[in-house]
PDB file of N, CA and C in Angstrom:
ATOM      1  N   MET A   1      67.764 -78.835 -85.136  1.00  0.00           N
ATOM      2  CA  MET A   1      68.502 -77.504 -85.254  1.00  0.00           C
ATOM      3  C   MET A   1      67.518 -76.405 -85.923  1.00  0.00           C
ATOM      4  N   ASP A   2      67.370 -75.025 -85.574  1.00  0.00           N
ATOM      5  CA  ASP A   2      66.938 -74.541 -86.483  1.00  0.00           C
ATOM      6  C   ASP A   2      67.936 -73.827 -87.695  1.00  0.00           C
ATOM      7  N   ASN A   3      67.476 -72.721 -88.141  1.00  0.00           N
ATOM      8  CA  ASN A   3      68.424 -72.088 -89.531  1.00  0.00           C
ATOM      9  C   ASN A   3      69.133 -71.194 -89.120  1.00  0.00           C
ATOM     10  N   HIS A   4      69.724 -71.201 -87.407  1.00  0.00           N
ATOM     11  CA  HIS A   4      70.142 -70.580 -87.404  1.00  0.00           C
ATOM     12  C   HIS A   4      72.267 -70.250 -88.287  1.00  0.00           C
ATOM     13  N   SER A   5      72.169 -69.305 -88.426  1.00  0.00           N
ATOM     14  CA  SER A   5      73.988 -69.341 -89.415  1.00  0.00           C
ATOM     15  C   SER A   5      74.851 -70.393 -88.846  1.00  0.00           C
ATOM     16  N   SER A   6      75.105 -70.431 -87.231  1.00  0.00           N
ATOM     17  CA  SER A   6      75.730 -71.442 -86.748  1.00  0.00           C
ATOM     18  C   SER A   6      75.398 -72.861 -86.807  1.00  0.00           C
ATOM     19  N   HIS A   7      74.538 -73.249 -87.039  1.00  0.00           N
ATOM     20  CA  HIS A   7      74.025 -74.369 -87.116  1.00  0.00           C
ATOM     21  C   HIS A   7      73.753 -75.317 -88.635  1.00  0.00           C
ATOM     22  N   ILE A   8      74.238 -74.442 -89.256  1.00  0.00           N
ATOM     23  CA  ILE A   8      74.306 -74.516 -90.964  1.00  0.00           C
ATOM     24  C   ILE A   8      75.705 -74.462 -91.743  1.00  0.00           C
ATOM     25  N   SER A   9      76.212 -74.094 -90.868  1.00  0.00           N
ATOM     26  CA  SER A   9      77.748 -73.769 -91.240  1.00  0.00           C
ATOM     27  C   SER A   9      78.292 -74.991 -91.647  1.00  0.00           C
ATOM     28  N   LYS A  10      79.290 -74.588 -92.554  1.00  0.00           N
ATOM     29  CA  LYS A  10      80.070 -75.678 -93.127  1.00  0.00           C
ATOM     30  C   LYS A  10      81.027 -76.388 -92.015  1.00  0.00           C
ATOM     31  N   GLU A  11      81.384 -75.529 -91.065  1.00  0.00           N
ATOM     32  CA  GLU A  11      82.549 -75.917 -89.700  1.00  0.00           C
ATOM     33  C   GLU A  11      81.937 -77.276 -89.176  1.00  0.00           C
ATOM     34  N   THR A  12      80.128 -76.766 -88.697  1.00  0.00           N
ATOM     35  CA  THR A  12      79.157 -77.465 -87.872  1.00  0.00           C
ATOM     36  C   THR A  12      78.739 -78.701 -88.613  1.00  0.00           C
ATOM     37  N   ARG A  13      78.753 -78.584 -90.087  1.00  0.00           N
ATOM     38  CA  ARG A  13      78.266 -79.657 -90.591  1.00  0.00           C
ATOM     39  C   ARG A  13      79.497 -80.830 -90.791  1.00  0.00           C
ATOM     40  N   ALA A  14      80.560 -80.305 -90.672  1.00  0.00           N
ATOM     41  CA  ALA A  14      81.981 -80.987 -91.020  1.00  0.00           C
ATOM     42  C   ALA A  14      82.202 -81.717 -89.575  1.00  0.00           C
ATOM     43  N   TYR A  15      81.947 -80.756 -88.114  1.00  0.00           N
ATOM     44  CA  TYR A  15      81.659 -81.780 -87.247  1.00  0.00           C
ATOM     45  C   TYR A  15      81.259 -82.802 -87.041  1.00  0.00           C
ATOM     46  N   LEU A  16      79.374 -82.089 -86.908  1.00  0.00           N
ATOM     47  CA  LEU A  16      78.749 -83.222 -86.679  1.00  0.00           C
ATOM     48  C   LEU A  16      78.785 -84.930 -88.063  1.00  0.00           C
ATOM     49  N   ALA A  17      79.466 -84.773 -89.138  1.00  0.00           N
ATOM     50  CA  ALA A  17      80.080 -85.637 -89.882  1.00  0.00           C
ATOM     51  C   ALA A  17      81.077 -86.417 -89.369  1.00  0.00           C
ATOM     52  N   THR A  18      81.380 -85.935 -88.647  1.00  0.00           N
ATOM     53  CA  THR A  18      82.951 -86.927 -87.681  1.00  0.00           C
ATOM     54  C   THR A  18      81.748 -87.622 -86.613  1.00  0.00           C
ATOM     55  N   ARG A  19      80.738 -87.671 -86.387  1.00  0.00           N
ATOM     56  CA  ARG A  19      80.300 -88.353 -85.286  1.00  0.00           C
ATOM     57  C   ARG A  19      78.671 -88.827 -86.299  1.00  0.00           C
ATOM     58  N   PRO A  20      78.484 -90.147 -86.942  1.00  0.00           N
ATOM     59  CA  PRO A  20      77.520 -90.518 -87.619  1.00  0.00           C
ATOM     60  C   PRO A  20      76.796 -91.314 -86.361  1.00  0.00           C
ATOM     61  N   ASN A  21      75.706 -91.411 -86.864  1.00  0.00           N
ATOM     62  CA  ASN A  21      74.617 -92.266 -86.491  1.00  0.00           C
ATOM     63  C   ASN A  21      74.567 -91.921 -84.823  1.00  0.00           C
ATOM     64  N   ARG A  22      74.800 -90.868 -84.527  1.00  0.00           N
ATOM     65  CA  ARG A  22      74.688 -89.941 -83.183  1.00  0.00           C
ATOM     66  C   ARG A  22      73.505 -88.970 -83.086  1.00  0.00           C
ATOM     67  N   PHE A  23      73.814 -88.518 -84.128  1.00  0.00           N
ATOM     68  CA  PHE A  23      72.401 -87.408 -83.865  1.00  0.00           C
ATOM     69  C   PHE A  23      71.657 -87.661 -85.116  1.00  0.00           C
ATOM     70  N   LYS A  24      70.094 -87.115 -84.879  1.00  0.00           N
ATOM     71  CA  LYS A  24      69.438 -87.199 -85.663  1.00  0.00           C
ATOM     72  C   LYS A  24      68.721 -85.781 -86.250  1.00  0.00           C
ATOM     73  N   TYR A  25      68.802 -85.419 -87.379  1.00  0.00           N
ATOM     74  CA  TYR A  25      68.803 -84.132 -87.798  1.00  0.00           C
ATOM     75  C   TYR A  25      67.398 -83.300 -88.423  1.00  0.00           C
ATOM     76  N   VAL A  26      66.931 -82.399 -87.723  1.00  0.00           N
ATOM     77  CA  VAL A  26      65.299 -82.371 -88.429  1.00  0.00           C
ATOM     78  C   VAL A  26      65.658 -80.464 -88.296  1.00  0.00           C
ATOM     79  N   LEU A  27      65.473 -80.331 -89.277  1.00  0.00           N
ATOM     80  CA  LEU A  27      65.397 -78.665 -89.587  1.00  0.00           C
ATOM     81  C   LEU A  27      64.817 -78.065 -90.084  1.00  0.00           C
ATOM     82  N   THR A  28      63.923 -77.129 -88.707  1.00  0.00           N
ATOM     83  CA  THR A  28      62.680 -76.610 -89.600  1.00  0.00           C
ATOM     84  C   THR A  28      63.116 -75.754 -90.511  1.00  0.00           C
ATOM     85  N   PRO A  29      61.703 -75.403 -90.966  1.00  0.00           N
ATOM     86  CA  PRO A  29      61.431 -75.083 -92.664  1.00  0.00           C
ATOM     87  C   PRO A  29      61.436 -73.030 -91.946  1.00  0.00           C
ATOM     88  N   VAL A  30      61.349 -72.483 -92.815  1.00  0.00           N
ATOM     89  CA  VAL A  30      62.576 -70.906 -93.160  1.00  0.00           C
ATOM     90  C   VAL A  30      61.072 -70.701 -93.113  1.00  0.00           C
ATOM     91  N   HIS A  31      60.214 -70.696 -93.692  1.00  0.00           N
ATOM     92  CA  HIS A  31      58.589 -70.450 -93.453  1.00  0.00           C
ATOM     93  C   HIS A  31      57.406 -71.426 -93.498  1.00  0.00           C
ATOM     94  N   GLY A  32      56.559 -71.378 -92.983  1.00  0.00           N
ATOM     95  CA  GLY A  32      55.696 -71.958 -93.202  1.00  0.00           C
ATOM     96  C   GLY A  32      53.951 -71.507 -92.061  1.00  0.00           C
ATOM     97  N   SER A  33      53.018 -71.490 -93.008  1.00  0.00           N
ATOM     98  CA  SER A  33      51.702 -71.087 -92.924  1.00  0.00           C
ATOM     99  C   SER A  33      51.346 -71.309 -91.415  1.00  0.00           C
ATOM    100  N   TRP A  34      51.971 -72.257 -90.880  1.00  0.00           N
ATOM    101  CA  TRP A  34      51.074 -72.572 -89.437  1.00  0.00           C
ATOM    102  C   TRP A  34      52.025 -71.682 -88.620  1.00  0.00           C
ATOM    103  N   LEU A  35      53.761 -71.085 -89.002  1.00  0.00           N
ATOM    104  CA  LEU A  35      54.273 -69.756 -88.203  1.00  0.00           C
ATOM    105  C   LEU A  35      53.626 -68.816 -87.504  1.00  0.00           C
ATOM    106  N   ASN A  36      52.696 -68.346 -88.831  1.00  0.00           N
ATOM    107  CA  ASN A  36      52.251 -67.205 -88.689  1.00  0.00           C
ATOM    108  C   ASN A  36      50.875 -67.059 -87.436  1.00  0.00           C
ATOM    109  N   ILE A  37      50.327 -68.668 -87.186  1.00  0.00           N
ATOM    110  CA  ILE A  37      49.891 -69.128 -86.660  1.00  0.00           C
ATOM    111  C   ILE A  37      50.217 -69.126 -84.582  1.00  0.00           C
ATOM    112  N   VAL A  38      51.512 -69.535 -84.697  1.00  0.00           N
ATOM    113  CA  VAL A  38      52.578 -69.151 -83.061  1.00  0.00           C
ATOM    114  C   VAL A  38      52.518 -68.425 -83.244  1.00  0.00           C
ATOM    115  N   GLU A  39      53.179 -67.369 -84.000  1.00  0.00           N
ATOM    116  CA  GLU A  39      53.812 -66.151 -83.716  1.00  0.00           C
ATOM    117  C   GLU A  39      52.375 -65.038 -83.284  1.00  0.00           C
ATOM    118  N   THR A  40      51.334 -65.355 -84.002  1.00  0.00           N
ATOM    119  CA  THR A  40      50.209 -64.400 -83.242  1.00  0.00           C
ATOM    120  C   THR A  40      49.837 -64.941 -81.982  1.00  0.00           C
ATOM    121  N   LEU A  41      49.895 -66.216 -81.799  1.00  0.00           N
ATOM    122  CA  LEU A  41      49.629 -66.423 -80.453  1.00  0.00           C
ATOM    123  C   LEU A  41      50.450 -65.724 -79.664  1.00  0.00           C
ATOM    124  N   PHE A  42      51.928 -66.362 -79.401  1.00  0.00           N
ATOM    125  CA  PHE A  42      53.074 -65.671 -78.649  1.00  0.00           C
ATOM    126  C   PHE A  42      52.590 -63.935 -78.537  1.00  0.00           C
ATOM    127  N   GLY A  43      52.410 -63.232 -79.891  1.00  0.00           N
ATOM    128  CA  GLY A  43      52.084 -62.169 -79.617  1.00  0.00           C
ATOM    129  C   GLY A  43      51.560 -61.454 -78.839  1.00  0.00           C
ATOM    130  N   LYS A  44      50.164 -62.365 -79.021  1.00  0.00           N
ATOM    131  CA  LYS A  44      49.078 -62.113 -77.967  1.00  0.00           C
ATOM    132  C   LYS A  44      48.740 -62.386 -76.403  1.00  0.00           C
ATOM    133  N   MET A  45      49.727 -63.181 -75.962  1.00  0.00           N
ATOM    134  CA  MET A  45      49.974 -63.906 -74.838  1.00  0.00           C
ATOM    135  C   MET A  45      50.739 -62.789 -74.137  1.00  0.00           C
ATOM    136  N   THR A  46      51.949 -62.333 -74.569  1.00  0.00           N
ATOM    137  CA  THR A  46      52.540 -61.240 -74.255  1.00  0.00           C
ATOM    138  C   THR A  46      52.088 -59.933 -74.578  1.00  0.00           C
ATOM    139  N   ARG A  47      51.240 -59.340 -75.245  1.00  0.00           N
ATOM    140  CA  ARG A  47      50.275 -58.322 -75.296  1.00  0.00           C
ATOM    141  C   ARG A  47      49.165 -58.175 -73.311  1.00  0.00           C
ATOM    142  N   THR A  48      48.496 -59.831 -73.608  1.00  0.00           N
ATOM    143  CA  THR A  48      47.732 -59.821 -72.158  1.00  0.00           C
ATOM    144  C   THR A  48      49.292 -60.249 -71.058  1.00  0.00           C
ATOM    145  N   PHE A  49      49.983 -60.865 -70.853  1.00  0.00           N
ATOM    146  CA  PHE A  49      50.355 -61.072 -69.418  1.00  0.00           C
ATOM    147  C   PHE A  49      51.327 -59.657 -69.255  1.00  0.00           C
ATOM    148  N   LEU A  50      52.078 -58.942 -70.514  1.00  0.00           N
ATOM    149  CA  LEU A  50      52.610 -58.106 -69.727  1.00  0.00           C
ATOM    150  C   LEU A  50      52.203 -56.870 -69.806  1.00  0.00           C
TER     151      LEU A  50
END
């Protein structure tokens, strides 16, 4: 899951809590130094290919 508001809402967490051991949750960080590298790469690809 990413940090979108619908993924971390109380309702979503309550629903997922009713299904224990069915999902493994890995939340992405809100910010990280490696994200800048990825964003730069995709920006360059967008400018180059489009």
